């Protein structure tokens, strides 16, 4: 595996790990709907503490899914779609590969069935 492929795999792994948690997915949904928000604002919409929201946002930030920018005393978070786009491209490529494999299996099975019927 090349270094580039290892890097992409690592990015995809961190995105999928971050998205495995329903609270983090909900945070992404809230941020996508609002554009940007503070941890305090987000915590008001969730059944978890502000501190828990900050920890979840740190995981999302480490995965490249959100970014925080300081505005005065507040940190405002916003969705960064590039990591999601890269993960979606990886998933599409994986699906296409499996589609090709399954089509090959189908052709082989149909050919074997045709040969069996002719015998």
PDB file of N, CA and C in Angstrom:
ATOM      1  N   UNK A   1       0.847  -1.173   0.000  1.00  0.00           N
ATOM      2  CA  UNK A   1       0.000   0.000   0.000  1.00  0.00           C
ATOM      3  C   UNK A   1       0.893   1.237   0.000  1.00  0.00           C
ATOM      4  N   UNK A   2       0.579   2.186  -0.865  1.00  0.00           N
ATOM      5  CA  UNK A   2       1.393   3.392  -0.952  1.00  0.00           C
ATOM      6  C   UNK A   2       1.110   4.298   0.240  1.00  0.00           C
ATOM      7  N   UNK A   3       2.035   5.233   0.469  1.00  0.00           N
ATOM      8  CA  UNK A   3       1.834   6.188   1.566  1.00  0.00           C
ATOM      9  C   UNK A   3       0.566   6.998   1.351  1.00  0.00           C
ATOM     10  N   UNK A   4       0.291   7.353   0.088  1.00  0.00           N
ATOM     11  CA  UNK A   4      -0.910   8.138  -0.213  1.00  0.00           C
ATOM     12  C   UNK A   4      -2.168   7.349   0.132  1.00  0.00           C
ATOM     13  N   UNK A   5      -2.200   6.069  -0.243  1.00  0.00           N
ATOM     14  CA  UNK A   5      -3.369   5.237   0.061  1.00  0.00           C
ATOM     15  C   UNK A   5      -3.515   5.024   1.556  1.00  0.00           C
ATOM     16  N   UNK A   6      -2.366   4.877   2.269  1.00  0.00           N
ATOM     17  CA  UNK A   6      -2.417   4.752   3.725  1.00  0.00           C
ATOM     18  C   UNK A   6      -2.991   6.026   4.348  1.00  0.00           C
ATOM     19  N   UNK A   7      -2.606   7.174   3.788  1.00  0.00           N
ATOM     20  CA  UNK A   7      -3.120   8.442   4.300  1.00  0.00           C
ATOM     21  C   UNK A   7      -4.617   8.563   4.101  1.00  0.00           C
ATOM     22  N   UNK A   8      -5.089   8.193   2.916  1.00  0.00           N
ATOM     23  CA  UNK A   8      -6.526   8.237   2.638  1.00  0.00           C
ATOM     24  C   UNK A   8      -7.254   7.267   3.552  1.00  0.00           C
ATOM     25  N   UNK A   9      -6.706   6.068   3.724  1.00  0.00           N
ATOM     26  CA  UNK A   9      -7.335   5.073   4.600  1.00  0.00           C
ATOM     27  C   UNK A   9      -7.417   5.594   6.029  1.00  0.00           C
ATOM     28  N   UNK A  10      -6.370   6.257   6.495  1.00  0.00           N
ATOM     29  CA  UNK A  10      -6.379   6.820   7.845  1.00  0.00           C
ATOM     30  C   UNK A  10      -7.435   7.906   7.997  1.00  0.00           C
ATOM     31  N   UNK A  11      -7.564   8.750   6.978  1.00  0.00           N
ATOM     32  CA  UNK A  11      -8.587   9.797   7.011  1.00  0.00           C
ATOM     33  C   UNK A  11      -9.977   9.189   7.031  1.00  0.00           C
ATOM     34  N   UNK A  12     -10.200   8.198   6.177  1.00  0.00           N
ATOM     35  CA  UNK A  12     -11.507   7.537   6.129  1.00  0.00           C
ATOM     36  C   UNK A  12     -11.790   6.858   7.465  1.00  0.00           C
ATOM     37  N   UNK A  13     -10.792   6.187   8.032  1.00  0.00           N
ATOM     38  CA  UNK A  13     -10.973   5.528   9.333  1.00  0.00           C
ATOM     39  C   UNK A  13     -11.412   6.527  10.400  1.00  0.00           C
ATOM     40  N   UNK A  14     -10.751   7.684  10.460  1.00  0.00           N
ATOM     41  CA  UNK A  14     -11.107   8.660  11.498  1.00  0.00           C
ATOM     42  C   UNK A  14     -12.488   9.259  11.253  1.00  0.00           C
ATOM     43  N   UNK A  15     -12.855   9.453   9.992  1.00  0.00           N
ATOM     44  CA  UNK A  15     -14.202   9.965   9.687  1.00  0.00           C
ATOM     45  C   UNK A  15     -15.248   8.938  10.098  1.00  0.00           C
ATOM     46  N   UNK A  16     -15.046   7.677   9.711  1.00  0.00           N
ATOM     47  CA  UNK A  16     -16.020   6.643  10.058  1.00  0.00           C
ATOM     48  C   UNK A  16     -16.110   6.449  11.566  1.00  0.00           C
ATOM     49  N   UNK A  17     -14.988   6.508  12.261  1.00  0.00           N
ATOM     50  CA  UNK A  17     -15.004   6.384  13.723  1.00  0.00           C
ATOM     51  C   UNK A  17     -15.762   7.552  14.348  1.00  0.00           C
ATOM     52  N   UNK A  18     -15.551   8.743  13.838  1.00  0.00           N
ATOM     53  CA  UNK A  18     -16.252   9.918  14.366  1.00  0.00           C
ATOM     54  C   UNK A  18     -17.751   9.824  14.101  1.00  0.00           C
ATOM     55  N   UNK A  19     -18.122   9.323  12.927  1.00  0.00           N
ATOM     56  CA  UNK A  19     -19.536   9.230  12.557  1.00  0.00           C
ATOM     57  C   UNK A  19     -20.241   8.049  13.218  1.00  0.00           C
ATOM     58  N   UNK A  20     -19.494   7.161  13.863  1.00  0.00           N
ATOM     59  CA  UNK A  20     -20.096   5.997  14.511  1.00  0.00           C
ATOM     60  C   UNK A  20     -20.958   6.393  15.704  1.00  0.00           C
ATOM     61  N   UNK A  21     -20.715   7.551  16.252  1.00  0.00           N
ATOM     62  CA  UNK A  21     -21.452   7.998  17.434  1.00  0.00           C
ATOM     63  C   UNK A  21     -22.680   8.814  17.031  1.00  0.00           C
ATOM     64  N   UNK A  22     -23.865   8.448  17.504  1.00  0.00           N
ATOM     65  CA  UNK A  22     -25.083   9.181  17.110  1.00  0.00           C
ATOM     66  C   UNK A  22     -25.092  10.644  17.561  1.00  0.00           C
ATOM     67  N   UNK A  23     -24.487  10.937  18.702  1.00  0.00           N
ATOM     68  CA  UNK A  23     -24.444  12.330  19.153  1.00  0.00           C
ATOM     69  C   UNK A  23     -23.615  13.172  18.197  1.00  0.00           C
ATOM     70  N   UNK A  24     -22.499  12.640  17.720  1.00  0.00           N
ATOM     71  CA  UNK A  24     -21.661  13.389  16.775  1.00  0.00           C
ATOM     72  C   UNK A  24     -22.379  13.573  15.443  1.00  0.00           C
ATOM     73  N   UNK A  25     -23.117  12.544  14.996  1.00  0.00           N
ATOM     74  CA  UNK A  25     -23.895  12.708  13.760  1.00  0.00           C
ATOM     75  C   UNK A  25     -24.954  13.795  13.948  1.00  0.00           C
ATOM     76  N   UNK A  26     -25.569  13.817  15.119  1.00  0.00           N
ATOM     77  CA  UNK A  26     -26.577  14.856  15.396  1.00  0.00           C
ATOM     78  C   UNK A  26     -25.927  16.243  15.420  1.00  0.00           C
ATOM     79  N   UNK A  27     -24.748  16.337  16.004  1.00  0.00           N
ATOM     80  CA  UNK A  27     -24.021  17.621  15.994  1.00  0.00           C
ATOM     81  C   UNK A  27     -23.754  18.083  14.560  1.00  0.00           C
ATOM     82  N   UNK A  28     -23.322  17.163  13.703  1.00  0.00           N
ATOM     83  CA  UNK A  28     -23.087  17.529  12.296  1.00  0.00           C
ATOM     84  C   UNK A  28     -24.369  18.007  11.632  1.00  0.00           C
ATOM     85  N   UNK A  29     -25.468  17.321  11.914  1.00  0.00           N
ATOM     86  CA  UNK A  29     -26.765  17.748  11.353  1.00  0.00           C
ATOM     87  C   UNK A  29     -27.121  19.155  11.816  1.00  0.00           C
ATOM     88  N   UNK A  30     -26.948  19.415  13.110  1.00  0.00           N
ATOM     89  CA  UNK A  30     -27.251  20.746  13.640  1.00  0.00           C
ATOM     90  C   UNK A  30     -26.371  21.811  13.001  1.00  0.00           C
ATOM     91  N   UNK A  31     -25.087  21.521  12.878  1.00  0.00           N
ATOM     92  CA  UNK A  31     -24.175  22.495  12.274  1.00  0.00           C
ATOM     93  C   UNK A  31     -24.490  22.708  10.792  1.00  0.00           C
ATOM     94  N   UNK A  32     -24.851  21.647  10.101  1.00  0.00           N
ATOM     95  CA  UNK A  32     -25.200  21.780   8.684  1.00  0.00           C
ATOM     96  C   UNK A  32     -26.442  22.652   8.519  1.00  0.00           C
ATOM     97  N   UNK A  33     -27.380  22.513   9.425  1.00  0.00           N
ATOM     98  CA  UNK A  33     -28.614  23.303   9.352  1.00  0.00           C
ATOM     99  C   UNK A  33     -28.394  24.763   9.741  1.00  0.00           C
ATOM    100  N   UNK A  34     -27.510  25.015  10.723  1.00  0.00           N
ATOM    101  CA  UNK A  34     -27.299  26.364  11.241  1.00  0.00           C
ATOM    102  C   UNK A  34     -26.180  27.125  10.546  1.00  0.00           C
ATOM    103  N   UNK A  35     -25.268  26.419   9.913  1.00  0.00           N
ATOM    104  CA  UNK A  35     -24.107  27.068   9.320  1.00  0.00           C
ATOM    105  C   UNK A  35     -22.944  27.073  10.279  1.00  0.00           C
ATOM    106  N   UNK A  36     -23.122  27.675  11.430  1.00  0.00           N
ATOM    107  CA  UNK A  36     -22.120  27.631  12.482  1.00  0.00           C
ATOM    108  C   UNK A  36     -22.801  27.866  13.813  1.00  0.00           C
ATOM    109  N   UNK A  37     -22.165  27.374  14.878  1.00  0.00           N
ATOM    110  CA  UNK A  37     -22.748  27.518  16.211  1.00  0.00           C
ATOM    111  C   UNK A  37     -21.661  27.305  17.258  1.00  0.00           C
ATOM    112  N   UNK A  38     -21.934  27.775  18.457  1.00  0.00           N
ATOM    113  CA  UNK A  38     -21.023  27.563  19.579  1.00  0.00           C
ATOM    114  C   UNK A  38     -21.388  26.253  20.276  1.00  0.00           C
ATOM    115  N   UNK A  39     -20.481  25.755  21.092  1.00  0.00           N
ATOM    116  CA  UNK A  39     -20.749  24.535  21.854  1.00  0.00           C
ATOM    117  C   UNK A  39     -21.932  24.737  22.787  1.00  0.00           C
ATOM    118  N   UNK A  40     -22.053  25.916  23.351  1.00  0.00           N
ATOM    119  CA  UNK A  40     -23.166  26.220  24.255  1.00  0.00           C
ATOM    120  C   UNK A  40     -24.491  26.139  23.513  1.00  0.00           C
ATOM    121  N   UNK A  41     -24.558  26.739  22.342  1.00  0.00           N
ATOM    122  CA  UNK A  41     -25.777  26.715  21.531  1.00  0.00           C
ATOM    123  C   UNK A  41     -26.130  25.289  21.141  1.00  0.00           C
ATOM    124  N   UNK A  42     -25.129  24.521  20.770  1.00  0.00           N
ATOM    125  CA  UNK A  42     -25.362  23.130  20.381  1.00  0.00           C
ATOM    126  C   UNK A  42     -25.835  22.296  21.569  1.00  0.00           C
ATOM    127  N   UNK A  43     -25.257  22.533  22.745  1.00  0.00           N
ATOM    128  CA  UNK A  43     -25.628  21.775  23.940  1.00  0.00           C
ATOM    129  C   UNK A  43     -27.085  22.007  24.322  1.00  0.00           C
ATOM    130  N   UNK A  44     -27.608  23.167  24.004  1.00  0.00           N
ATOM    131  CA  UNK A  44     -29.017  23.456  24.292  1.00  0.00           C
ATOM    132  C   UNK A  44     -29.952  22.548  23.507  1.00  0.00           C
ATOM    133  N   UNK A  45     -29.483  22.032  22.394  1.00  0.00           N
ATOM    134  CA  UNK A  45     -30.306  21.193  21.514  1.00  0.00           C
ATOM    135  C   UNK A  45     -30.081  19.695  21.738  1.00  0.00           C
ATOM    136  N   UNK A  46     -29.203  19.350  22.682  1.00  0.00           N
ATOM    137  CA  UNK A  46     -28.855  17.950  22.924  1.00  0.00           C
ATOM    138  C   UNK A  46     -29.014  17.590  24.394  1.00  0.00           C
ATOM    139  N   UNK A  47     -29.231  16.298  24.677  1.00  0.00           N
ATOM    140  CA  UNK A  47     -29.379  15.879  26.075  1.00  0.00           C
ATOM    141  C   UNK A  47     -28.047  15.575  26.756  1.00  0.00           C
ATOM    142  N   UNK A  48     -27.015  16.355  26.404  1.00  0.00           N
ATOM    143  CA  UNK A  48     -25.698  16.173  27.014  1.00  0.00           C
ATOM    144  C   UNK A  48     -25.175  17.538  27.458  1.00  0.00           C
ATOM    145  N   UNK A  49     -24.158  17.508  28.291  1.00  0.00           N
ATOM    146  CA  UNK A  49     -23.596  18.759  28.810  1.00  0.00           C
ATOM    147  C   UNK A  49     -22.775  19.482  27.746  1.00  0.00           C
ATOM    148  N   UNK A  50     -22.492  20.738  28.014  1.00  0.00           N
ATOM    149  CA  UNK A  50     -21.641  21.513  27.119  1.00  0.00           C
ATOM    150  C   UNK A  50     -20.257  20.875  27.019  1.00  0.00           C
ATOM    151  N   UNK A  51     -19.753  20.389  28.163  1.00  0.00           N
ATOM    152  CA  UNK A  51     -18.435  19.755  28.161  1.00  0.00           C
ATOM    153  C   UNK A  51     -18.416  18.515  27.264  1.00  0.00           C
ATOM    154  N   UNK A  52     -19.495  17.740  27.281  1.00  0.00           N
ATOM    155  CA  UNK A  52     -19.594  16.567  26.407  1.00  0.00           C
ATOM    156  C   UNK A  52     -19.621  16.997  24.945  1.00  0.00           C
ATOM    157  N   UNK A  53     -20.348  18.078  24.663  1.00  0.00           N
ATOM    158  CA  UNK A  53     -20.403  18.597  23.289  1.00  0.00           C
ATOM    159  C   UNK A  53     -19.005  19.017  22.837  1.00  0.00           C
ATOM    160  N   UNK A  54     -18.270  19.687  23.699  1.00  0.00           N
ATOM    161  CA  UNK A  54     -16.903  20.113  23.360  1.00  0.00           C
ATOM    162  C   UNK A  54     -16.028  18.900  23.039  1.00  0.00           C
ATOM    163  N   UNK A  55     -16.158  17.829  23.822  1.00  0.00           N
ATOM    164  CA  UNK A  55     -15.378  16.611  23.553  1.00  0.00           C
ATOM    165  C   UNK A  55     -15.775  15.986  22.212  1.00  0.00           C
ATOM    166  N   UNK A  56     -17.067  15.952  21.934  1.00  0.00           N
ATOM    167  CA  UNK A  56     -17.532  15.418  20.650  1.00  0.00           C
ATOM    168  C   UNK A  56     -17.031  16.288  19.489  1.00  0.00           C
ATOM    169  N   UNK A  57     -17.058  17.586  19.679  1.00  0.00           N
ATOM    170  CA  UNK A  57     -16.566  18.491  18.635  1.00  0.00           C
ATOM    171  C   UNK A  57     -15.068  18.299  18.405  1.00  0.00           C
ATOM    172  N   UNK A  58     -14.328  17.987  19.467  1.00  0.00           N
ATOM    173  CA  UNK A  58     -12.883  17.737  19.318  1.00  0.00           C
ATOM    174  C   UNK A  58     -12.642  16.502  18.448  1.00  0.00           C
ATOM    175  N   UNK A  59     -13.452  15.464  18.633  1.00  0.00           N
ATOM    176  CA  UNK A  59     -13.325  14.261  17.808  1.00  0.00           C
ATOM    177  C   UNK A  59     -13.663  14.593  16.355  1.00  0.00           C
ATOM    178  N   UNK A  60     -14.743  15.341  16.148  1.00  0.00           N
ATOM    179  CA  UNK A  60     -15.139  15.740  14.789  1.00  0.00           C
ATOM    180  C   UNK A  60     -14.066  16.622  14.148  1.00  0.00           C
ATOM    181  N   UNK A  61     -13.457  17.489  14.946  1.00  0.00           N
ATOM    182  CA  UNK A  61     -12.393  18.357  14.437  1.00  0.00           C
ATOM    183  C   UNK A  61     -11.166  17.528  14.050  1.00  0.00           C
ATOM    184  N   UNK A  62     -10.797  16.575  14.894  1.00  0.00           N
ATOM    185  CA  UNK A  62      -9.637  15.719  14.596  1.00  0.00           C
ATOM    186  C   UNK A  62      -9.857  14.905  13.323  1.00  0.00           C
ATOM    187  N   UNK A  63     -11.109  14.571  13.036  1.00  0.00           N
ATOM    188  CA  UNK A  63     -11.436  13.820  11.821  1.00  0.00           C
ATOM    189  C   UNK A  63     -11.565  14.737  10.606  1.00  0.00           C
ATOM    190  N   UNK A  64     -11.464  16.042  10.825  1.00  0.00           N
ATOM    191  CA  UNK A  64     -11.577  16.990   9.723  1.00  0.00           C
ATOM    192  C   UNK A  64     -13.001  17.297   9.314  1.00  0.00           C
ATOM    193  N   UNK A  65     -13.968  16.954  10.172  1.00  0.00           N
ATOM    194  CA  UNK A  65     -15.375  17.149   9.826  1.00  0.00           C
ATOM    195  C   UNK A  65     -15.920  18.516  10.240  1.00  0.00           C
ATOM    196  N   UNK A  66     -15.311  19.131  11.242  1.00  0.00           N
ATOM    197  CA  UNK A  66     -15.704  20.486  11.665  1.00  0.00           C
ATOM    198  C   UNK A  66     -14.439  21.288  11.931  1.00  0.00           C
ATOM    199  N   UNK A  67     -14.621  22.583  11.982  1.00  0.00           N
ATOM    200  CA  UNK A  67     -13.525  23.463  12.390  1.00  0.00           C
ATOM    201  C   UNK A  67     -14.093  24.518  13.316  1.00  0.00           C
ATOM    202  N   UNK A  68     -13.255  24.945  14.233  1.00  0.00           N
ATOM    203  CA  UNK A  68     -13.656  25.989  15.160  1.00  0.00           C
ATOM    204  C   UNK A  68     -12.864  27.247  14.908  1.00  0.00           C
ATOM    205  N   UNK A  69     -13.545  28.374  14.972  1.00  0.00           N
ATOM    206  CA  UNK A  69     -12.852  29.652  14.823  1.00  0.00           C
ATOM    207  C   UNK A  69     -13.279  30.573  15.967  1.00  0.00           C
ATOM    208  N   UNK A  70     -12.294  31.247  16.520  1.00  0.00           N
ATOM    209  CA  UNK A  70     -12.549  32.125  17.664  1.00  0.00           C
ATOM    210  C   UNK A  70     -13.118  33.451  17.168  1.00  0.00           C
ATOM    211  N   UNK A  71     -14.241  33.828  17.791  1.00  0.00           N
ATOM    212  CA  UNK A  71     -14.866  35.120  17.537  1.00  0.00           C
ATOM    213  C   UNK A  71     -15.074  35.753  18.912  1.00  0.00           C
ATOM    214  N   UNK A  72     -14.166  36.646  19.267  1.00  0.00           N
ATOM    215  CA  UNK A  72     -14.201  37.214  20.613  1.00  0.00           C
ATOM    216  C   UNK A  72     -13.893  36.139  21.625  1.00  0.00           C
ATOM    217  N   UNK A  73     -14.797  35.943  22.575  1.00  0.00           N
ATOM    218  CA  UNK A  73     -14.598  34.921  23.598  1.00  0.00           C
ATOM    219  C   UNK A  73     -15.190  33.578  23.194  1.00  0.00           C
ATOM    220  N   UNK A  74     -15.902  33.536  22.093  1.00  0.00           N
ATOM    221  CA  UNK A  74     -16.574  32.311  21.672  1.00  0.00           C
ATOM    222  C   UNK A  74     -15.766  31.560  20.615  1.00  0.00           C
ATOM    223  N   UNK A  75     -15.991  30.264  20.570  1.00  0.00           N
ATOM    224  CA  UNK A  75     -15.476  29.452  19.468  1.00  0.00           C
ATOM    225  C   UNK A  75     -16.696  28.983  18.698  1.00  0.00           C
ATOM    226  N   UNK A  76     -16.728  29.350  17.425  1.00  0.00           N
ATOM    227  CA  UNK A  76     -17.851  28.945  16.565  1.00  0.00           C
ATOM    228  C   UNK A  76     -17.397  27.805  15.671  1.00  0.00           C
ATOM    229  N   UNK A  77     -18.229  26.797  15.627  1.00  0.00           N
ATOM    230  CA  UNK A  77     -17.912  25.598  14.860  1.00  0.00           C
ATOM    231  C   UNK A  77     -18.740  25.570  13.585  1.00  0.00           C
ATOM    232  N   UNK A  78     -18.137  25.032  12.535  1.00  0.00           N
ATOM    233  CA  UNK A  78     -18.812  24.884  11.245  1.00  0.00           C
ATOM    234  C   UNK A  78     -18.375  23.563  10.615  1.00  0.00           C
ATOM    235  N   UNK A  79     -19.234  23.035   9.763  1.00  0.00           N
ATOM    236  CA  UNK A  79     -18.933  21.782   9.059  1.00  0.00           C
ATOM    237  C   UNK A  79     -17.879  22.033   7.993  1.00  0.00           C
ATOM    238  N   UNK A  80     -16.949  21.103   7.883  1.00  0.00           N
ATOM    239  CA  UNK A  80     -15.958  21.096   6.798  1.00  0.00           C
ATOM    240  C   UNK A  80     -16.285  19.892   5.917  1.00  0.00           C
ATOM    241  N   UNK A  81     -16.850  20.097   4.747  1.00  0.00           N
ATOM    242  CA  UNK A  81     -17.336  18.967   3.948  1.00  0.00           C
ATOM    243  C   UNK A  81     -16.262  18.138   3.248  1.00  0.00           C
ATOM    244  N   UNK A  82     -15.027  18.615   3.171  1.00  0.00           N
ATOM    245  CA  UNK A  82     -13.994  17.903   2.399  1.00  0.00           C
ATOM    246  C   UNK A  82     -13.781  16.473   2.892  1.00  0.00           C
ATOM    247  N   UNK A  83     -13.746  16.257   4.195  1.00  0.00           N
ATOM    248  CA  UNK A  83     -13.518  14.909   4.730  1.00  0.00           C
ATOM    249  C   UNK A  83     -14.688  13.988   4.401  1.00  0.00           C
ATOM    250  N   UNK A  84     -15.907  14.527   4.464  1.00  0.00           N
ATOM    251  CA  UNK A  84     -17.071  13.728   4.078  1.00  0.00           C
ATOM    252  C   UNK A  84     -17.033  13.402   2.595  1.00  0.00           C
ATOM    253  N   UNK A  85     -16.647  14.367   1.790  1.00  0.00           N
ATOM    254  CA  UNK A  85     -16.553  14.132   0.346  1.00  0.00           C
ATOM    255  C   UNK A  85     -15.539  13.042   0.034  1.00  0.00           C
ATOM    256  N   UNK A  86     -14.386  13.087   0.685  1.00  0.00           N
ATOM    257  CA  UNK A  86     -13.351  12.075   0.457  1.00  0.00           C
ATOM    258  C   UNK A  86     -13.841  10.697   0.879  1.00  0.00           C
ATOM    259  N   UNK A  87     -14.549  10.634   1.986  1.00  0.00           N
ATOM    260  CA  UNK A  87     -15.085   9.352   2.455  1.00  0.00           C
ATOM    261  C   UNK A  87     -16.158   8.842   1.496  1.00  0.00           C
ATOM    262  N   UNK A  88     -17.000   9.719   1.002  1.00  0.00           N
ATOM    263  CA  UNK A  88     -18.034   9.314   0.040  1.00  0.00           C
ATOM    264  C   UNK A  88     -17.396   8.795  -1.249  1.00  0.00           C
ATOM    265  N   UNK A  89     -16.321   9.438  -1.709  1.00  0.00           N
ATOM    266  CA  UNK A  89     -15.621   8.952  -2.907  1.00  0.00           C
ATOM    267  C   UNK A  89     -15.021   7.576  -2.665  1.00  0.00           C
ATOM    268  N   UNK A  90     -14.434   7.372  -1.483  1.00  0.00           N
ATOM    269  CA  UNK A  90     -13.871   6.069  -1.149  1.00  0.00           C
ATOM    270  C   UNK A  90     -14.965   5.000  -1.141  1.00  0.00           C
ATOM    271  N   UNK A  91     -16.105   5.322  -0.534  1.00  0.00           N
ATOM    272  CA  UNK A  91     -17.215   4.370  -0.475  1.00  0.00           C
ATOM    273  C   UNK A  91     -17.757   4.065  -1.874  1.00  0.00           C
ATOM    274  N   UNK A  92     -17.845   5.064  -2.729  1.00  0.00           N
ATOM    275  CA  UNK A  92     -18.327   4.851  -4.098  1.00  0.00           C
ATOM    276  C   UNK A  92     -17.370   3.956  -4.878  1.00  0.00           C
ATOM    277  N   UNK A  93     -16.067   4.165  -4.690  1.00  0.00           N
ATOM    278  CA  UNK A  93     -15.075   3.327  -5.368  1.00  0.00           C
ATOM    279  C   UNK A  93     -15.158   1.891  -4.855  1.00  0.00           C
ATOM    280  N   UNK A  94     -15.339   1.724  -3.565  1.00  0.00           N
ATOM    281  CA  UNK A  94     -15.480   0.397  -2.979  1.00  0.00           C
ATOM    282  C   UNK A  94     -16.731  -0.291  -3.518  1.00  0.00           C
ATOM    283  N   UNK A  95     -17.835   0.438  -3.598  1.00  0.00           N
ATOM    284  CA  UNK A  95     -19.081  -0.126  -4.127  1.00  0.00           C
ATOM    285  C   UNK A  95     -18.927  -0.523  -5.594  1.00  0.00           C
ATOM    286  N   UNK A  96     -18.256   0.307  -6.371  1.00  0.00           N
ATOM    287  CA  UNK A  96     -18.047  -0.013  -7.786  1.00  0.00           C
ATOM    288  C   UNK A  96     -17.203  -1.268  -7.937  1.00  0.00           C
ATOM    289  N   UNK A  97     -16.194  -1.420  -7.087  1.00  0.00           N
ATOM    290  CA  UNK A  97     -15.349  -2.609  -7.126  1.00  0.00           C
ATOM    291  C   UNK A  97     -16.178  -3.857  -6.819  1.00  0.00           C
ATOM    292  N   UNK A  98     -17.020  -3.780  -5.805  1.00  0.00           N
ATOM    293  CA  UNK A  98     -17.871  -4.925  -5.477  1.00  0.00           C
ATOM    294  C   UNK A  98     -18.875  -5.199  -6.588  1.00  0.00           C
ATOM    295  N   UNK A  99     -19.415  -4.150  -7.212  1.00  0.00           N
ATOM    296  CA  UNK A  99     -20.334  -4.358  -8.338  1.00  0.00           C
ATOM    297  C   UNK A  99     -19.644  -5.121  -9.460  1.00  0.00           C
ATOM    298  N   UNK A 100     -18.387  -4.771  -9.754  1.00  0.00           N
ATOM    299  CA  UNK A 100     -17.630  -5.479 -10.795  1.00  0.00           C
ATOM    300  C   UNK A 100     -17.414  -6.940 -10.397  1.00  0.00           C
ATOM    301  N   UNK A 101     -17.048  -7.178  -9.161  1.00  0.00           N
ATOM    302  CA  UNK A 101     -16.826  -8.548  -8.697  1.00  0.00           C
ATOM    303  C   UNK A 101     -18.104  -9.380  -8.788  1.00  0.00           C
ATOM    304  N   UNK A 102     -19.210  -8.796  -8.346  1.00  0.00           N
ATOM    305  CA  UNK A 102     -20.485  -9.531  -8.385  1.00  0.00           C
ATOM    306  C   UNK A 102     -20.935  -9.794  -9.819  1.00  0.00           C
ATOM    307  N   UNK A 103     -20.685  -8.842 -10.712  1.00  0.00           N
ATOM    308  CA  UNK A 103     -21.024  -9.058 -12.123  1.00  0.00           C
ATOM    309  C   UNK A 103     -20.201 -10.209 -12.705  1.00  0.00           C
ATOM    310  N   UNK A 104     -18.947 -10.299 -12.325  1.00  0.00           N
ATOM    311  CA  UNK A 104     -18.088 -11.405 -12.780  1.00  0.00           C
ATOM    312  C   UNK A 104     -18.610 -12.739 -12.253  1.00  0.00           C
ATOM    313  N   UNK A 105     -18.969 -12.779 -10.989  1.00  0.00           N
ATOM    314  CA  UNK A 105     -19.520 -14.005 -10.399  1.00  0.00           C
ATOM    315  C   UNK A 105     -20.800 -14.407 -11.119  1.00  0.00           C
ATOM    316  N   UNK A 106     -21.647 -13.429 -11.409  1.00  0.00           N
ATOM    317  CA  UNK A 106     -22.901 -13.712 -12.115  1.00  0.00           C
ATOM    318  C   UNK A 106     -22.617 -14.291 -13.492  1.00  0.00           C
ATOM    319  N   UNK A 107     -21.675 -13.710 -14.231  1.00  0.00           N
ATOM    320  CA  UNK A 107     -21.338 -14.214 -15.567  1.00  0.00           C
ATOM    321  C   UNK A 107     -20.813 -15.644 -15.501  1.00  0.00           C
ATOM    322  N   UNK A 108     -19.936 -15.904 -14.536  1.00  0.00           N
ATOM    323  CA  UNK A 108     -19.372 -17.251 -14.378  1.00  0.00           C
ATOM    324  C   UNK A 108     -20.479 -18.244 -14.031  1.00  0.00           C
ATOM    325  N   UNK A 109     -21.360 -17.872 -13.111  1.00  0.00           N
ATOM    326  CA  UNK A 109     -22.451 -18.761 -12.707  1.00  0.00           C
ATOM    327  C   UNK A 109     -23.405 -19.030 -13.867  1.00  0.00           C
ATOM    328  N   UNK A 110     -23.742 -17.979 -14.625  1.00  0.00           N
ATOM    329  CA  UNK A 110     -24.640 -18.156 -15.769  1.00  0.00           C
ATOM    330  C   UNK A 110     -23.993 -19.018 -16.849  1.00  0.00           C
ATOM    331  N   UNK A 111     -22.689 -18.849 -17.065  1.00  0.00           N
ATOM    332  CA  UNK A 111     -21.988 -19.669 -18.049  1.00  0.00           C
ATOM    333  C   UNK A 111     -21.958 -21.120 -17.595  1.00  0.00           C
ATOM    334  N   UNK A 112     -21.702 -21.360 -16.306  1.00  0.00           N
ATOM    335  CA  UNK A 112     -21.685 -22.729 -15.787  1.00  0.00           C
ATOM    336  C   UNK A 112     -23.066 -23.364 -15.886  1.00  0.00           C
ATOM    337  N   UNK A 113     -24.104 -22.591 -15.617  1.00  0.00           N
ATOM    338  CA  UNK A 113     -25.476 -23.088 -15.718  1.00  0.00           C
ATOM    339  C   UNK A 113     -25.807 -23.429 -17.168  1.00  0.00           C
ATOM    340  N   UNK A 114     -25.391 -22.568 -18.069  1.00  0.00           N
ATOM    341  CA  UNK A 114     -25.614 -22.839 -19.504  1.00  0.00           C
ATOM    342  C   UNK A 114     -24.889 -24.088 -19.955  1.00  0.00           C
ATOM    343  N   UNK A 115     -23.668 -24.280 -19.504  1.00  0.00           N
ATOM    344  CA  UNK A 115     -22.892 -25.485 -19.855  1.00  0.00           C
ATOM    345  C   UNK A 115     -23.555 -26.735 -19.282  1.00  0.00           C
ATOM    346  N   UNK A 116     -24.079 -26.620 -18.061  1.00  0.00           N
ATOM    347  CA  UNK A 116     -24.739 -27.776 -17.420  1.00  0.00           C
ATOM    348  C   UNK A 116     -26.018 -28.153 -18.166  1.00  0.00           C
ATOM    349  N   UNK A 117     -26.758 -27.165 -18.648  1.00  0.00           N
ATOM    350  CA  UNK A 117     -27.995 -27.434 -19.373  1.00  0.00           C
ATOM    351  C   UNK A 117     -27.719 -28.069 -20.735  1.00  0.00           C
ATOM    352  N   UNK A 118     -26.590 -27.732 -21.339  1.00  0.00           N
ATOM    353  CA  UNK A 118     -26.254 -28.265 -22.655  1.00  0.00           C
ATOM    354  C   UNK A 118     -25.712 -29.680 -22.565  1.00  0.00           C
ATOM    355  N   UNK A 119     -25.274 -30.105 -21.404  1.00  0.00           N
ATOM    356  CA  UNK A 119     -24.698 -31.454 -21.253  1.00  0.00           C
ATOM    357  C   UNK A 119     -25.747 -32.526 -21.180  1.00  0.00           C
TER     358      UNK A 119
END
